[in-house]
C-alpha atoms as a PDB file:
ATOM      1  CA  MET A   1     140.636  40.462 192.260  1.00  0.00           C
ATOM      2  CA  ARG A   2     138.179  43.114 191.106  1.00  0.00           C
ATOM      3  CA  GLN A   3     137.195  41.089 188.148  1.00  0.00           C
ATOM      4  CA  LEU A   4     136.582  37.953 190.256  1.00  0.00           C
ATOM      5  CA  ASN A   5     134.337  40.019 192.559  1.00  0.00           C
ATOM      6  CA  ILE A   6     132.479  41.296 189.610  1.00  0.00           C
ATOM      7  CA  CYS A   7     132.140  37.797 188.058  1.00  0.00           C
ATOM      8  CA  ILE A   8     130.908  36.261 191.295  1.00  0.00           C
ATOM      9  CA  PHE A   9     128.330  39.153 191.716  1.00  0.00           C
ATOM     10  CA  LEU A  10     127.105  39.013 188.204  1.00  0.00           C
ATOM     11  CA  SER A  11     126.967  35.140 188.549  1.00  0.00           C
ATOM     12  CA  PHE A  12     124.691  35.733 191.464  1.00  0.00           C
ATOM     13  CA  ILE A  13     122.518  38.236 189.619  1.00  0.00           C
ATOM     14  CA  HIS A  14     122.168  35.825 186.698  1.00  0.00           C
ATOM     15  CA  LEU A  15     121.240  32.925 188.952  1.00  0.00           C
ATOM     16  CA  THR A  16     118.677  34.835 190.810  1.00  0.00           C
ATOM     17  CA  LEU A  17     117.137  37.021 188.238  1.00  0.00           C
ATOM     18  CA  PHE A  18     117.448  34.975 185.150  1.00  0.00           C
ATOM     19  CA  SER A  19     116.734  31.699 186.832  1.00  0.00           C
ATOM     20  CA  GLN A  20     113.017  32.060 185.889  1.00  0.00           C
ATOM     21  CA  ILE A  21     113.757  33.140 182.220  1.00  0.00           C
ATOM     22  CA  SER A  22     114.673  30.409 179.751  1.00  0.00           C
ATOM     23  CA  PHE A  23     118.287  30.491 178.493  1.00  0.00           C
ATOM     24  CA  THR A  24     120.624  27.874 177.147  1.00  0.00           C
ATOM     25  CA  ASP A  25     123.836  27.274 178.883  1.00  0.00           C
ATOM     26  CA  LEU A  26     125.642  29.078 175.890  1.00  0.00           C
ATOM     27  CA  ASP A  27     123.385  32.027 176.252  1.00  0.00           C
ATOM     28  CA  ARG A  28     124.113  32.451 179.791  1.00  0.00           C
ATOM     29  CA  LEU A  29     127.824  32.222 179.334  1.00  0.00           C
ATOM     30  CA  THR A  30     127.540  34.514 176.539  1.00  0.00           C
ATOM     31  CA  ARG A  31     125.574  36.933 178.529  1.00  0.00           C
ATOM     32  CA  ILE A  32     127.736  36.709 181.695  1.00  0.00           C
ATOM     33  CA  THR A  33     130.920  37.205 179.700  1.00  0.00           C
ATOM     34  CA  LYS A  34     129.537  40.171 177.991  1.00  0.00           C
ATOM     35  CA  ASP A  35     128.229  41.809 181.285  1.00  0.00           C
ATOM     36  CA  VAL A  36     131.790  41.274 183.031  1.00  0.00           C
ATOM     37  CA  LYS A  37     133.577  42.719 180.054  1.00  0.00           C
ATOM     38  CA  ALA A  38     131.395  45.737 180.088  1.00  0.00           C
ATOM     39  CA  LEU A  39     131.326  46.297 183.780  1.00  0.00           C
ATOM     40  CA  SER A  40     134.941  45.682 184.409  1.00  0.00           C
ATOM     41  CA  HIS A  41     136.188  47.613 181.432  1.00  0.00           C
ATOM     42  CA  ASP A  42     138.475  50.577 182.200  1.00  0.00           C
ATOM     43  CA  THR A  43     136.025  53.191 181.066  1.00  0.00           C
ATOM     44  CA  MET A  44     134.036  52.300 184.261  1.00  0.00           C
ATOM     45  CA  MET A  45     136.826  53.419 186.368  1.00  0.00           C
ATOM     46  CA  GLY A  46     136.191  50.931 189.082  1.00  0.00           C
ATOM     47  CA  ARG A  47     132.641  52.298 189.668  1.00  0.00           C
ATOM     48  CA  LYS A  48     133.527  53.777 192.889  1.00  0.00           C
ATOM     49  CA  SER A  49     130.112  54.777 194.832  1.00  0.00           C
ATOM     50  CA  ALA A  50     128.770  58.215 194.278  1.00  0.00           C
ATOM     51  CA  THR A  51     130.710  58.964 190.882  1.00  0.00           C
ATOM     52  CA  LYS A  52     129.692  59.292 187.457  1.00  0.00           C
ATOM     53  CA  TYR A  53     131.211  55.906 186.727  1.00  0.00           C
ATOM     54  CA  GLU A  54     128.827  54.098 189.321  1.00  0.00           C
ATOM     55  CA  TRP A  55     126.081  55.913 187.466  1.00  0.00           C
ATOM     56  CA  LYS A  56     127.223  54.732 183.926  1.00  0.00           C
ATOM     57  CA  ALA A  57     127.392  51.254 185.395  1.00  0.00           C
ATOM     58  CA  GLY A  58     124.043  51.334 186.692  1.00  0.00           C
ATOM     59  CA  ASN A  59     122.805  52.552 183.438  1.00  0.00           C
ATOM     60  CA  TYR A  60     124.335  49.658 181.681  1.00  0.00           C
ATOM     61  CA  ILE A  61     122.602  47.308 184.290  1.00  0.00           C
ATOM     62  CA  ILE A  62     119.149  49.139 183.827  1.00  0.00           C
ATOM     63  CA  SER A  63     119.434  48.829 180.081  1.00  0.00           C
ATOM     64  CA  GLU A  64     120.124  45.094 180.300  1.00  0.00           C
ATOM     65  CA  LEU A  65     117.151  44.742 182.653  1.00  0.00           C
ATOM     66  CA  ASN A  66     114.884  46.627 180.214  1.00  0.00           C
ATOM     67  CA  LYS A  67     115.877  44.370 177.400  1.00  0.00           C
ATOM     68  CA  ILE A  68     114.650  41.345 179.146  1.00  0.00           C
ATOM     69  CA  SER A  69     111.316  43.156 180.468  1.00  0.00           C
ATOM     70  CA  VAL A  70     112.431  42.786 184.201  1.00  0.00           C
ATOM     71  CA  GLN A  71     110.111  45.154 186.145  1.00  0.00           C
ATOM     72  CA  LYS A  72     110.774  47.985 188.596  1.00  0.00           C
ATOM     73  CA  LEU A  73     110.027  46.954 192.184  1.00  0.00           C
ATOM     74  CA  PRO A  74     106.272  47.743 192.808  1.00  0.00           C
ATOM     75  CA  GLY A  75     106.031  51.182 194.387  1.00  0.00           C
ATOM     76  CA  TYR A  76     109.221  52.549 192.979  1.00  0.00           C
ATOM     77  CA  GLU A  77     109.513  55.074 189.908  1.00  0.00           C
ATOM     78  CA  SER A  78     113.000  53.818 189.267  1.00  0.00           C
ATOM     79  CA  PHE A  79     115.453  50.887 189.239  1.00  0.00           C
ATOM     80  CA  ARG A  80     117.722  53.036 191.423  1.00  0.00           C
ATOM     81  CA  LEU A  81     117.217  52.796 195.282  1.00  0.00           C
ATOM     82  CA  ALA A  82     119.140  56.008 196.362  1.00  0.00           C
ATOM     83  CA  PHE A  83     120.713  56.294 199.810  1.00  0.00           C
ATOM     84  CA  THR A  84     123.449  58.519 201.788  1.00  0.00           C
ATOM     85  CA  ILE A  85     126.800  57.186 202.668  1.00  0.00           C
ATOM     86  CA  ASN A  86     129.473  58.618 204.966  1.00  0.00           C
ATOM     87  CA  ASN A  87     132.648  59.018 202.985  1.00  0.00           C
ATOM     88  CA  ASP A  88     136.119  59.872 204.474  1.00  0.00           C
ATOM     89  CA  LYS A  89     136.630  62.744 202.089  1.00  0.00           C
ATOM     90  CA  ILE A  90     133.044  64.006 201.661  1.00  0.00           C
ATOM     91  CA  LYS A  91     131.138  63.816 204.937  1.00  0.00           C
ATOM     92  CA  ARG A  92     127.822  62.687 203.231  1.00  0.00           C
ATOM     93  CA  ASP A  93     127.231  61.300 199.648  1.00  0.00           C
ATOM     94  CA  THR A  94     124.227  60.015 197.701  1.00  0.00           C
ATOM     95  CA  THR A  95     124.712  56.831 195.758  1.00  0.00           C
ATOM     96  CA  ALA A  96     122.302  54.185 194.640  1.00  0.00           C
ATOM     97  CA  ASP A  97     121.624  50.603 194.332  1.00  0.00           C
ATOM     98  CA  ILE A  98     119.923  48.809 191.384  1.00  0.00           C
ATOM     99  CA  ILE A  99     116.776  46.904 192.202  1.00  0.00           C
ATOM    100  CA  ALA A 100     114.373  44.845 190.165  1.00  0.00           C
ATOM    101  CA  TYR A 101     111.508  42.483 190.418  1.00  0.00           C
ATOM    102  CA  ILE A 102     110.442  39.261 188.737  1.00  0.00           C
ATOM    103  CA  ASP A 103     106.854  38.056 189.530  1.00  0.00           C
ATOM    104  CA  ASN A 104     107.120  34.396 190.057  1.00  0.00           C
ATOM    105  CA  GLY A 105     103.528  34.199 191.050  1.00  0.00           C
ATOM    106  CA  ALA A 106     104.081  33.158 194.516  1.00  0.00           C
ATOM    107  CA  PRO A 107     101.559  34.394 197.058  1.00  0.00           C
ATOM    108  CA  TYR A 108     104.408  36.227 198.984  1.00  0.00           C
ATOM    109  CA  THR A 109     107.562  37.793 197.690  1.00  0.00           C
ATOM    110  CA  LEU A 110     110.502  38.923 199.917  1.00  0.00           C
ATOM    111  CA  THR A 111     111.997  42.326 198.917  1.00  0.00           C
END
């Protein structure tokens, strides 16, 4: 189930982020397969929020975004958007989402 969720999530990322970047169908399939394998690998340990494994997965995603010259969201110094969560075991914990930006030349952009 975890791999299916990852596949759906990565497919969404690929469809939204890379829809404006030219890839062949084989390139897309190869890329999605590579990313799913990397992010679902046992060394990621499930990527639980606020762990070093979440950070490791985030580093992988940021590395891939840098390879295709995707920009940080304007006004942000990092691809990471930190926020605090409440956790049953630890009352407050800091985690981060990965955010990116592709300028499509539209007069308005939703972020």
